[in-house]
Amino acid sequence: MPKHGGTEVFRITGARQGLAEDVRGRQRRYVISMTVRTLSVIAATVLWNVERHIAFVALGLGLLLPYIAVVIANAGRERAPSLPSTFVPTPVRPELDASNLNKSSDQS
């Protein structure tokens, strides 16, 4: 590794995704959840006279999904613990022991 004059070196691979990309992803998850909710409510109304057990399940899903969608959409921008450190410490060179220096100079 080349010397950088004692400056600190940072890794970009540990950086979080951008705010705009994060918001876009959360909006996408919310829209998908709300689409599934709408489809389940429509299925509940269509199946009400045909198969009432499946209609109840679809209606329950339609009632629970808004809460789940909001929780999923608001969960974001937390730092994941598995990300590597963004700081690369400067390697420390081991010091020579004084007794080893005296032995090597005596042999010369």
N, C-alpha and C. Protein backbone atom coordinates (compact mmCIF):
# COMPACT_ATOMS: atom_id res chain seq x y z
N MET A 1 0.85 -1.17 0.00
CA MET A 1 0.00 0.00 0.00
C MET A 1 0.90 1.23 0.00
N PRO A 2 0.71 2.13 -0.94
CA PRO A 2 1.55 3.32 -0.99
C PRO A 2 1.23 4.27 0.16
N LYS A 3 2.24 5.03 0.55
CA LYS A 3 2.04 6.00 1.62
C LYS A 3 1.29 7.20 1.09
N HIS A 4 0.44 7.74 1.93
CA HIS A 4 -0.36 8.90 1.55
C HIS A 4 0.01 10.10 2.40
N GLY A 5 1.24 10.17 2.84
CA GLY A 5 1.67 11.32 3.62
C GLY A 5 1.00 11.41 4.97
N GLY A 6 0.60 10.27 5.55
CA GLY A 6 -0.02 10.28 6.87
C GLY A 6 -1.49 10.66 6.87
N THR A 7 -2.12 10.79 5.70
CA THR A 7 -3.54 11.12 5.67
C THR A 7 -4.37 9.87 5.87
N GLU A 8 -5.58 10.07 6.37
CA GLU A 8 -6.48 8.94 6.59
C GLU A 8 -7.11 8.52 5.27
N VAL A 9 -7.30 7.23 5.09
CA VAL A 9 -7.89 6.69 3.87
C VAL A 9 -9.25 6.12 4.22
N PHE A 10 -10.27 6.46 3.41
CA PHE A 10 -11.62 5.99 3.65
C PHE A 10 -12.07 5.11 2.50
N ARG A 11 -12.87 4.08 2.83
CA ARG A 11 -13.42 3.18 1.81
C ARG A 11 -14.80 3.65 1.42
N ILE A 12 -15.09 3.70 0.15
CA ILE A 12 -16.41 4.12 -0.33
C ILE A 12 -17.38 2.94 -0.31
N THR A 13 -16.88 1.70 -0.26
CA THR A 13 -17.77 0.54 -0.30
C THR A 13 -18.64 0.45 0.95
N GLY A 14 -18.23 1.09 2.03
CA GLY A 14 -19.03 1.05 3.25
C GLY A 14 -20.04 2.17 3.34
N ALA A 15 -20.14 3.01 2.32
CA ALA A 15 -21.06 4.14 2.36
C ALA A 15 -22.51 3.67 2.18
N ARG A 16 -23.42 4.39 2.82
CA ARG A 16 -24.84 4.07 2.67
C ARG A 16 -25.32 4.56 1.30
N GLN A 17 -26.46 4.04 0.87
CA GLN A 17 -27.02 4.48 -0.40
C GLN A 17 -27.53 5.91 -0.25
N GLY A 18 -27.70 6.60 -1.36
CA GLY A 18 -28.12 7.98 -1.34
C GLY A 18 -29.54 8.14 -0.83
N LEU A 19 -29.86 9.34 -0.35
CA LEU A 19 -31.18 9.60 0.20
C LEU A 19 -32.28 9.46 -0.85
N ALA A 20 -32.05 9.97 -2.05
CA ALA A 20 -33.07 9.86 -3.10
C ALA A 20 -33.33 8.40 -3.47
N GLU A 21 -32.28 7.61 -3.52
CA GLU A 21 -32.44 6.18 -3.83
C GLU A 21 -33.17 5.46 -2.71
N ASP A 22 -32.90 5.83 -1.47
CA ASP A 22 -33.57 5.22 -0.33
C ASP A 22 -35.06 5.56 -0.33
N VAL A 23 -35.40 6.82 -0.57
CA VAL A 23 -36.81 7.23 -0.59
C VAL A 23 -37.54 6.54 -1.74
N ARG A 24 -36.90 6.44 -2.89
CA ARG A 24 -37.51 5.76 -4.04
C ARG A 24 -37.81 4.29 -3.71
N GLY A 25 -36.88 3.63 -3.05
CA GLY A 25 -37.09 2.24 -2.68
C GLY A 25 -38.22 2.07 -1.68
N ARG A 26 -38.29 2.97 -0.70
CA ARG A 26 -39.38 2.90 0.28
C ARG A 26 -40.72 3.19 -0.37
N GLN A 27 -40.78 4.14 -1.31
CA GLN A 27 -42.02 4.42 -2.02
C GLN A 27 -42.45 3.22 -2.86
N ARG A 28 -41.50 2.56 -3.48
CA ARG A 28 -41.80 1.38 -4.30
C ARG A 28 -42.39 0.27 -3.43
N ARG A 29 -41.79 0.03 -2.26
CA ARG A 29 -42.31 -1.01 -1.36
C ARG A 29 -43.72 -0.67 -0.89
N TYR A 30 -43.98 0.61 -0.61
CA TYR A 30 -45.30 1.03 -0.16
C TYR A 30 -46.34 0.84 -1.26
N VAL A 31 -46.01 1.23 -2.48
CA VAL A 31 -46.96 1.08 -3.59
C VAL A 31 -47.26 -0.39 -3.85
N ILE A 32 -46.25 -1.23 -3.77
CA ILE A 32 -46.47 -2.68 -3.97
C ILE A 32 -47.40 -3.21 -2.88
N SER A 33 -47.17 -2.82 -1.63
CA SER A 33 -48.02 -3.28 -0.53
C SER A 33 -49.46 -2.81 -0.69
N MET A 34 -49.62 -1.57 -1.11
CA MET A 34 -50.98 -1.05 -1.29
C MET A 34 -51.67 -1.69 -2.49
N THR A 35 -50.92 -2.07 -3.51
CA THR A 35 -51.50 -2.79 -4.65
C THR A 35 -51.99 -4.17 -4.21
N VAL A 36 -51.19 -4.85 -3.41
CA VAL A 36 -51.61 -6.16 -2.89
C VAL A 36 -52.84 -6.00 -2.01
N ARG A 37 -52.88 -4.94 -1.22
CA ARG A 37 -54.05 -4.69 -0.37
C ARG A 37 -55.30 -4.46 -1.21
N THR A 38 -55.19 -3.64 -2.24
CA THR A 38 -56.33 -3.37 -3.11
C THR A 38 -56.83 -4.64 -3.78
N LEU A 39 -55.88 -5.44 -4.26
CA LEU A 39 -56.28 -6.71 -4.90
C LEU A 39 -56.94 -7.66 -3.90
N SER A 40 -56.48 -7.66 -2.65
CA SER A 40 -57.10 -8.55 -1.67
C SER A 40 -58.50 -8.08 -1.29
N VAL A 41 -58.73 -6.78 -1.22
CA VAL A 41 -60.08 -6.28 -0.93
C VAL A 41 -61.02 -6.58 -2.10
N ILE A 42 -60.52 -6.43 -3.32
CA ILE A 42 -61.34 -6.77 -4.50
C ILE A 42 -61.64 -8.27 -4.50
N ALA A 43 -60.65 -9.08 -4.17
CA ALA A 43 -60.88 -10.53 -4.11
C ALA A 43 -61.89 -10.87 -3.03
N ALA A 44 -61.85 -10.16 -1.90
CA ALA A 44 -62.81 -10.42 -0.82
C ALA A 44 -64.24 -10.11 -1.27
N THR A 45 -64.42 -9.02 -2.01
CA THR A 45 -65.77 -8.70 -2.47
C THR A 45 -66.26 -9.66 -3.55
N VAL A 46 -65.35 -10.09 -4.41
CA VAL A 46 -65.74 -11.03 -5.47
C VAL A 46 -66.06 -12.41 -4.89
N LEU A 47 -65.27 -12.84 -3.91
CA LEU A 47 -65.43 -14.18 -3.36
C LEU A 47 -66.42 -14.26 -2.20
N TRP A 48 -67.04 -13.16 -1.83
CA TRP A 48 -67.91 -13.16 -0.65
C TRP A 48 -69.05 -14.18 -0.77
N ASN A 49 -69.69 -14.27 -1.91
CA ASN A 49 -70.79 -15.23 -2.08
C ASN A 49 -70.32 -16.57 -2.62
N VAL A 50 -69.09 -16.69 -3.03
CA VAL A 50 -68.59 -17.94 -3.60
C VAL A 50 -67.89 -18.78 -2.52
N GLU A 51 -66.88 -18.24 -1.92
CA GLU A 51 -66.10 -18.96 -0.91
C GLU A 51 -65.82 -17.99 0.24
N ARG A 52 -66.65 -18.07 1.26
CA ARG A 52 -66.61 -17.08 2.32
C ARG A 52 -65.33 -17.18 3.16
N HIS A 53 -64.76 -18.36 3.34
CA HIS A 53 -63.53 -18.51 4.15
C HIS A 53 -62.36 -17.77 3.49
N ILE A 54 -62.22 -17.92 2.20
CA ILE A 54 -61.14 -17.23 1.48
C ILE A 54 -61.41 -15.73 1.46
N ALA A 55 -62.69 -15.34 1.41
CA ALA A 55 -63.03 -13.93 1.43
C ALA A 55 -62.65 -13.29 2.77
N PHE A 56 -62.85 -14.03 3.86
CA PHE A 56 -62.44 -13.52 5.18
C PHE A 56 -60.92 -13.36 5.27
N VAL A 57 -60.19 -14.32 4.74
CA VAL A 57 -58.73 -14.23 4.74
C VAL A 57 -58.27 -13.02 3.92
N ALA A 58 -58.87 -12.85 2.75
CA ALA A 58 -58.51 -11.72 1.89
C ALA A 58 -58.88 -10.40 2.55
N LEU A 59 -60.01 -10.36 3.24
CA LEU A 59 -60.43 -9.14 3.92
C LEU A 59 -59.49 -8.84 5.10
N GLY A 60 -59.11 -9.87 5.83
CA GLY A 60 -58.14 -9.68 6.92
C GLY A 60 -56.80 -9.17 6.41
N LEU A 61 -56.37 -9.71 5.29
CA LEU A 61 -55.13 -9.23 4.67
C LEU A 61 -55.27 -7.77 4.24
N GLY A 62 -56.42 -7.43 3.70
CA GLY A 62 -56.68 -6.05 3.29
C GLY A 62 -56.71 -5.08 4.47
N LEU A 63 -57.12 -5.57 5.64
CA LEU A 63 -57.16 -4.72 6.82
C LEU A 63 -55.77 -4.57 7.47
N LEU A 64 -54.95 -5.60 7.41
CA LEU A 64 -53.63 -5.56 8.06
C LEU A 64 -52.55 -4.92 7.20
N LEU A 65 -52.69 -5.01 5.90
CA LEU A 65 -51.61 -4.52 5.03
C LEU A 65 -51.32 -3.02 5.13
N PRO A 66 -52.29 -2.13 5.35
CA PRO A 66 -51.90 -0.72 5.49
C PRO A 66 -50.93 -0.48 6.64
N TYR A 67 -51.17 -1.10 7.78
CA TYR A 67 -50.27 -0.95 8.92
C TYR A 67 -48.88 -1.51 8.58
N ILE A 68 -48.85 -2.69 8.01
CA ILE A 68 -47.58 -3.33 7.66
C ILE A 68 -46.84 -2.50 6.61
N ALA A 69 -47.58 -1.96 5.64
CA ALA A 69 -46.96 -1.16 4.58
C ALA A 69 -46.33 0.11 5.13
N VAL A 70 -46.99 0.75 6.08
CA VAL A 70 -46.43 1.97 6.68
C VAL A 70 -45.19 1.65 7.49
N VAL A 71 -45.24 0.58 8.25
CA VAL A 71 -44.07 0.19 9.04
C VAL A 71 -42.89 -0.14 8.14
N ILE A 72 -43.14 -0.86 7.06
CA ILE A 72 -42.07 -1.22 6.13
C ILE A 72 -41.54 0.02 5.42
N ALA A 73 -42.43 0.93 5.03
CA ALA A 73 -42.00 2.12 4.31
C ALA A 73 -41.19 3.07 5.20
N ASN A 74 -41.54 3.12 6.48
CA ASN A 74 -40.82 4.02 7.39
C ASN A 74 -39.53 3.41 7.92
N ALA A 75 -39.35 2.13 7.75
CA ALA A 75 -38.11 1.49 8.22
C ALA A 75 -37.02 1.74 7.19
N GLY A 76 -36.13 2.61 7.49
CA GLY A 76 -35.06 2.90 6.56
C GLY A 76 -34.04 3.84 7.17
N ARG A 77 -32.94 4.00 6.51
CA ARG A 77 -31.86 4.89 6.87
C ARG A 77 -31.19 4.50 8.19
N GLU A 78 -31.32 3.24 8.59
CA GLU A 78 -30.57 2.77 9.74
C GLU A 78 -29.28 2.16 9.25
N ARG A 79 -28.24 2.32 10.04
CA ARG A 79 -26.95 1.77 9.67
C ARG A 79 -26.95 0.27 9.97
N ALA A 80 -26.67 -0.50 8.95
CA ALA A 80 -26.61 -1.96 9.11
C ALA A 80 -25.33 -2.32 9.86
N PRO A 81 -25.43 -3.19 10.87
CA PRO A 81 -24.24 -3.54 11.64
C PRO A 81 -23.25 -4.39 10.85
N SER A 82 -23.67 -4.98 9.74
CA SER A 82 -22.78 -5.87 9.00
C SER A 82 -21.88 -5.12 8.01
N LEU A 83 -22.09 -3.81 7.86
CA LEU A 83 -21.26 -3.07 6.93
C LEU A 83 -19.83 -2.96 7.46
N PRO A 84 -18.86 -3.01 6.58
CA PRO A 84 -17.48 -2.86 7.03
C PRO A 84 -17.21 -1.41 7.45
N SER A 85 -16.18 -1.25 8.22
CA SER A 85 -15.80 0.08 8.65
C SER A 85 -15.36 0.91 7.43
N THR A 86 -15.73 2.19 7.42
CA THR A 86 -15.35 3.04 6.30
C THR A 86 -13.96 3.64 6.49
N PHE A 87 -13.36 3.37 7.62
CA PHE A 87 -12.03 3.90 7.90
C PHE A 87 -11.01 2.78 7.81
N VAL A 88 -9.97 2.98 7.04
CA VAL A 88 -8.89 2.01 6.93
C VAL A 88 -7.73 2.56 7.75
N PRO A 89 -7.41 1.91 8.88
CA PRO A 89 -6.34 2.44 9.71
C PRO A 89 -4.98 2.27 9.03
N THR A 90 -4.11 3.21 9.32
CA THR A 90 -2.75 3.14 8.78
C THR A 90 -2.03 1.98 9.44
N PRO A 91 -1.37 1.12 8.67
CA PRO A 91 -0.70 -0.02 9.28
C PRO A 91 0.43 0.45 10.21
N VAL A 92 0.53 -0.21 11.32
CA VAL A 92 1.56 0.12 12.31
C VAL A 92 2.77 -0.76 12.07
N ARG A 93 3.94 -0.15 11.96
CA ARG A 93 5.16 -0.91 11.76
C ARG A 93 5.68 -1.37 13.11
N PRO A 94 6.04 -2.63 13.24
CA PRO A 94 6.55 -3.10 14.54
C PRO A 94 7.92 -2.49 14.82
N GLU A 95 8.13 -2.17 16.09
CA GLU A 95 9.41 -1.62 16.50
C GLU A 95 10.39 -2.74 16.76
N LEU A 96 11.65 -2.47 16.49
CA LEU A 96 12.69 -3.45 16.77
C LEU A 96 13.05 -3.38 18.24
N ASP A 97 13.30 -4.53 18.82
CA ASP A 97 13.71 -4.60 20.21
C ASP A 97 15.16 -4.16 20.33
N ALA A 98 15.51 -3.42 21.35
CA ALA A 98 16.88 -2.91 21.53
C ALA A 98 17.88 -4.05 21.70
N SER A 99 17.48 -5.14 22.33
CA SER A 99 18.41 -6.26 22.52
C SER A 99 18.74 -6.92 21.18
N ASN A 100 17.78 -6.94 20.26
CA ASN A 100 18.04 -7.51 18.93
C ASN A 100 19.00 -6.62 18.15
N LEU A 101 18.92 -5.31 18.34
CA LEU A 101 19.82 -4.41 17.65
C LEU A 101 21.26 -4.60 18.12
N ASN A 102 21.45 -4.79 19.40
CA ASN A 102 22.80 -4.98 19.94
C ASN A 102 23.40 -6.30 19.44
N LYS A 103 22.60 -7.34 19.35
CA LYS A 103 23.09 -8.63 18.87
C LYS A 103 23.49 -8.55 17.41
N SER A 104 22.68 -7.85 16.61
CA SER A 104 23.00 -7.77 15.17
C SER A 104 24.22 -6.91 14.93
N SER A 105 24.46 -5.87 15.74
CA SER A 105 25.64 -5.04 15.54
C SER A 105 26.90 -5.74 16.05
N ASP A 106 26.76 -6.66 17.03
CA ASP A 106 27.91 -7.42 17.51
C ASP A 106 28.36 -8.43 16.50
N GLN A 107 27.46 -8.96 15.71
CA GLN A 107 27.82 -9.99 14.71
C GLN A 107 28.50 -9.38 13.52
N SER A 108 28.39 -8.11 13.29
CA SER A 108 28.97 -7.47 12.11
C SER A 108 30.42 -7.25 12.23
